[in-house]
Amino acid sequence: MSDSEKLSTWQVAKSVAAAFFGVQSAESRERDFKKGRASQFILIGAVATLVFILLVWLAVVLTLKAAGV
């Protein structure tokens, strides 16, 4: 990949997922800053955060339903 190429949506999603878990390599982080667009990271990060919140909410609802509350 040349320096002028932008990151694909899949590459941005993988970087966001790695950052969520705190396991992103320094090489990937450097690539993100050089070739990525902030708007992509913000959008995918916001969607990932929303999905995470919905999954936690669903787990709580199912747990409470199983407990009979």
N, C-alpha and C. Protein backbone atom coordinates (compact mmCIF):
# COMPACT_ATOMS: atom_id res chain seq x y z
N MET A 1 0.85 -1.16 0.00
CA MET A 1 0.00 0.00 0.00
C MET A 1 0.90 1.23 0.00
N SER A 2 0.69 2.13 -0.90
CA SER A 2 1.51 3.34 -0.98
C SER A 2 1.02 4.36 0.05
N ASP A 3 1.82 5.39 0.30
CA ASP A 3 1.47 6.39 1.30
C ASP A 3 0.23 7.19 0.93
N SER A 4 -0.08 7.28 -0.36
CA SER A 4 -1.22 8.08 -0.78
C SER A 4 -2.55 7.35 -0.64
N GLU A 5 -2.51 6.04 -0.44
CA GLU A 5 -3.75 5.27 -0.33
C GLU A 5 -4.39 5.48 1.04
N LYS A 6 -5.72 5.51 1.05
CA LYS A 6 -6.48 5.65 2.28
C LYS A 6 -6.79 4.26 2.83
N LEU A 7 -7.13 4.20 4.10
CA LEU A 7 -7.49 2.94 4.72
C LEU A 7 -8.89 2.53 4.28
N SER A 8 -9.08 1.23 4.13
CA SER A 8 -10.41 0.73 3.80
C SER A 8 -11.28 0.74 5.06
N THR A 9 -12.57 0.62 4.87
CA THR A 9 -13.49 0.58 6.00
C THR A 9 -13.17 -0.61 6.90
N TRP A 10 -12.81 -1.73 6.30
CA TRP A 10 -12.46 -2.93 7.07
C TRP A 10 -11.22 -2.68 7.93
N GLN A 11 -10.21 -2.02 7.39
CA GLN A 11 -9.01 -1.72 8.15
C GLN A 11 -9.31 -0.77 9.32
N VAL A 12 -10.18 0.20 9.08
CA VAL A 12 -10.57 1.12 10.14
C VAL A 12 -11.33 0.36 11.23
N ALA A 13 -12.25 -0.52 10.83
CA ALA A 13 -13.02 -1.30 11.80
C ALA A 13 -12.10 -2.19 12.64
N LYS A 14 -11.11 -2.81 12.01
CA LYS A 14 -10.16 -3.64 12.76
C LYS A 14 -9.35 -2.80 13.74
N SER A 15 -8.96 -1.61 13.33
CA SER A 15 -8.20 -0.73 14.21
C SER A 15 -9.05 -0.27 15.40
N VAL A 16 -10.30 0.06 15.14
CA VAL A 16 -11.21 0.48 16.21
C VAL A 16 -11.42 -0.68 17.19
N ALA A 17 -11.62 -1.89 16.67
CA ALA A 17 -11.82 -3.05 17.54
C ALA A 17 -10.57 -3.31 18.39
N ALA A 18 -9.41 -3.21 17.79
CA ALA A 18 -8.16 -3.41 18.54
C ALA A 18 -8.01 -2.34 19.61
N ALA A 19 -8.37 -1.11 19.29
CA ALA A 19 -8.28 -0.03 20.27
C ALA A 19 -9.28 -0.23 21.40
N PHE A 20 -10.46 -0.76 21.09
CA PHE A 20 -11.46 -1.05 22.13
C PHE A 20 -10.88 -2.00 23.18
N PHE A 21 -10.13 -2.99 22.73
CA PHE A 21 -9.57 -3.99 23.63
C PHE A 21 -8.18 -3.63 24.13
N GLY A 22 -7.63 -2.53 23.63
CA GLY A 22 -6.32 -2.07 24.07
C GLY A 22 -5.16 -2.89 23.57
N VAL A 23 -5.31 -3.52 22.41
CA VAL A 23 -4.25 -4.39 21.89
C VAL A 23 -3.71 -3.92 20.54
N GLN A 24 -3.93 -2.68 20.19
CA GLN A 24 -3.47 -2.19 18.89
C GLN A 24 -1.95 -2.00 18.91
N SER A 25 -1.30 -2.47 17.87
CA SER A 25 0.15 -2.34 17.78
C SER A 25 0.54 -0.90 17.44
N ALA A 26 1.76 -0.57 17.78
CA ALA A 26 2.27 0.77 17.47
C ALA A 26 2.32 0.98 15.96
N GLU A 27 2.62 -0.08 15.22
CA GLU A 27 2.68 0.00 13.75
C GLU A 27 1.31 0.36 13.17
N SER A 28 0.27 -0.30 13.66
CA SER A 28 -1.09 -0.02 13.17
C SER A 28 -1.52 1.39 13.55
N ARG A 29 -1.20 1.80 14.77
CA ARG A 29 -1.57 3.14 15.22
C ARG A 29 -0.89 4.21 14.36
N GLU A 30 0.37 3.98 14.04
CA GLU A 30 1.12 4.91 13.19
C GLU A 30 0.49 4.97 11.79
N ARG A 31 0.14 3.80 11.24
CA ARG A 31 -0.52 3.74 9.93
C ARG A 31 -1.84 4.49 9.96
N ASP A 32 -2.60 4.33 11.04
CA ASP A 32 -3.89 5.01 11.16
C ASP A 32 -3.72 6.52 11.12
N PHE A 33 -2.73 7.03 11.83
CA PHE A 33 -2.52 8.48 11.86
C PHE A 33 -2.03 9.01 10.52
N LYS A 34 -1.27 8.22 9.80
CA LYS A 34 -0.74 8.68 8.52
C LYS A 34 -1.75 8.58 7.38
N LYS A 35 -2.55 7.51 7.36
CA LYS A 35 -3.39 7.23 6.20
C LYS A 35 -4.89 7.31 6.48
N GLY A 36 -5.28 7.33 7.74
CA GLY A 36 -6.70 7.31 8.06
C GLY A 36 -7.31 8.70 8.12
N ARG A 37 -8.63 8.73 8.01
CA ARG A 37 -9.39 9.98 8.15
C ARG A 37 -10.12 9.94 9.49
N ALA A 38 -10.05 11.03 10.23
CA ALA A 38 -10.67 11.08 11.55
C ALA A 38 -12.16 10.78 11.47
N SER A 39 -12.82 11.25 10.44
CA SER A 39 -14.27 11.04 10.32
C SER A 39 -14.62 9.55 10.28
N GLN A 40 -13.79 8.76 9.60
CA GLN A 40 -14.03 7.31 9.55
C GLN A 40 -13.93 6.70 10.94
N PHE A 41 -12.88 7.07 11.67
CA PHE A 41 -12.67 6.50 13.00
C PHE A 41 -13.75 6.93 13.97
N ILE A 42 -14.19 8.19 13.86
CA ILE A 42 -15.25 8.68 14.75
C ILE A 42 -16.56 7.96 14.47
N LEU A 43 -16.92 7.81 13.19
CA LEU A 43 -18.17 7.14 12.83
C LEU A 43 -18.17 5.68 13.26
N ILE A 44 -17.13 4.96 12.92
CA ILE A 44 -17.07 3.53 13.26
C ILE A 44 -16.95 3.35 14.77
N GLY A 45 -16.20 4.23 15.44
CA GLY A 45 -16.10 4.16 16.89
C GLY A 45 -17.44 4.40 17.57
N ALA A 46 -18.21 5.36 17.06
CA ALA A 46 -19.54 5.65 17.62
C ALA A 46 -20.48 4.46 17.41
N VAL A 47 -20.45 3.87 16.24
CA VAL A 47 -21.30 2.70 15.96
C VAL A 47 -20.89 1.54 16.87
N ALA A 48 -19.59 1.30 17.01
CA ALA A 48 -19.11 0.21 17.87
C ALA A 48 -19.52 0.45 19.32
N THR A 49 -19.46 1.69 19.78
CA THR A 49 -19.86 2.01 21.15
C THR A 49 -21.35 1.76 21.33
N LEU A 50 -22.15 2.16 20.36
CA LEU A 50 -23.59 1.93 20.43
C LEU A 50 -23.91 0.44 20.47
N VAL A 51 -23.25 -0.33 19.64
CA VAL A 51 -23.45 -1.79 19.64
C VAL A 51 -23.07 -2.38 21.00
N PHE A 52 -21.96 -1.94 21.56
CA PHE A 52 -21.53 -2.43 22.87
C PHE A 52 -22.58 -2.11 23.94
N ILE A 53 -23.08 -0.88 23.94
CA ILE A 53 -24.10 -0.49 24.93
C ILE A 53 -25.36 -1.33 24.76
N LEU A 54 -25.77 -1.55 23.53
CA LEU A 54 -26.97 -2.37 23.29
C LEU A 54 -26.76 -3.82 23.74
N LEU A 55 -25.57 -4.36 23.54
CA LEU A 55 -25.29 -5.72 23.99
C LEU A 55 -25.31 -5.82 25.51
N VAL A 56 -24.78 -4.83 26.20
CA VAL A 56 -24.81 -4.83 27.67
C VAL A 56 -26.26 -4.72 28.14
N TRP A 57 -27.02 -3.83 27.52
CA TRP A 57 -28.43 -3.68 27.88
C TRP A 57 -29.19 -5.00 27.68
N LEU A 58 -28.95 -5.64 26.54
CA LEU A 58 -29.62 -6.92 26.26
C LEU A 58 -29.24 -7.98 27.28
N ALA A 59 -27.97 -8.03 27.66
CA ALA A 59 -27.53 -9.00 28.68
C ALA A 59 -28.24 -8.75 30.01
N VAL A 60 -28.40 -7.49 30.39
CA VAL A 60 -29.08 -7.15 31.64
C VAL A 60 -30.55 -7.55 31.56
N VAL A 61 -31.21 -7.23 30.46
CA VAL A 61 -32.63 -7.57 30.31
C VAL A 61 -32.83 -9.09 30.37
N LEU A 62 -32.00 -9.83 29.65
CA LEU A 62 -32.13 -11.30 29.65
C LEU A 62 -31.83 -11.89 31.02
N THR A 63 -30.86 -11.34 31.72
CA THR A 63 -30.52 -11.83 33.06
C THR A 63 -31.67 -11.56 34.04
N LEU A 64 -32.24 -10.36 33.97
CA LEU A 64 -33.36 -10.05 34.84
C LEU A 64 -34.58 -10.91 34.51
N LYS A 65 -34.80 -11.17 33.24
CA LYS A 65 -35.93 -12.02 32.84
C LYS A 65 -35.72 -13.45 33.34
N ALA A 66 -34.49 -13.96 33.24
CA ALA A 66 -34.19 -15.31 33.71
C ALA A 66 -34.32 -15.40 35.24
N ALA A 67 -34.05 -14.30 35.94
CA ALA A 67 -34.16 -14.28 37.40
C ALA A 67 -35.60 -14.08 37.86
N GLY A 68 -36.49 -13.80 36.91
CA GLY A 68 -37.90 -13.61 37.26
C GLY A 68 -38.23 -12.24 37.80
N VAL A 69 -37.40 -11.28 37.50
CA VAL A 69 -37.64 -9.92 38.00
C VAL A 69 -38.41 -9.13 36.96
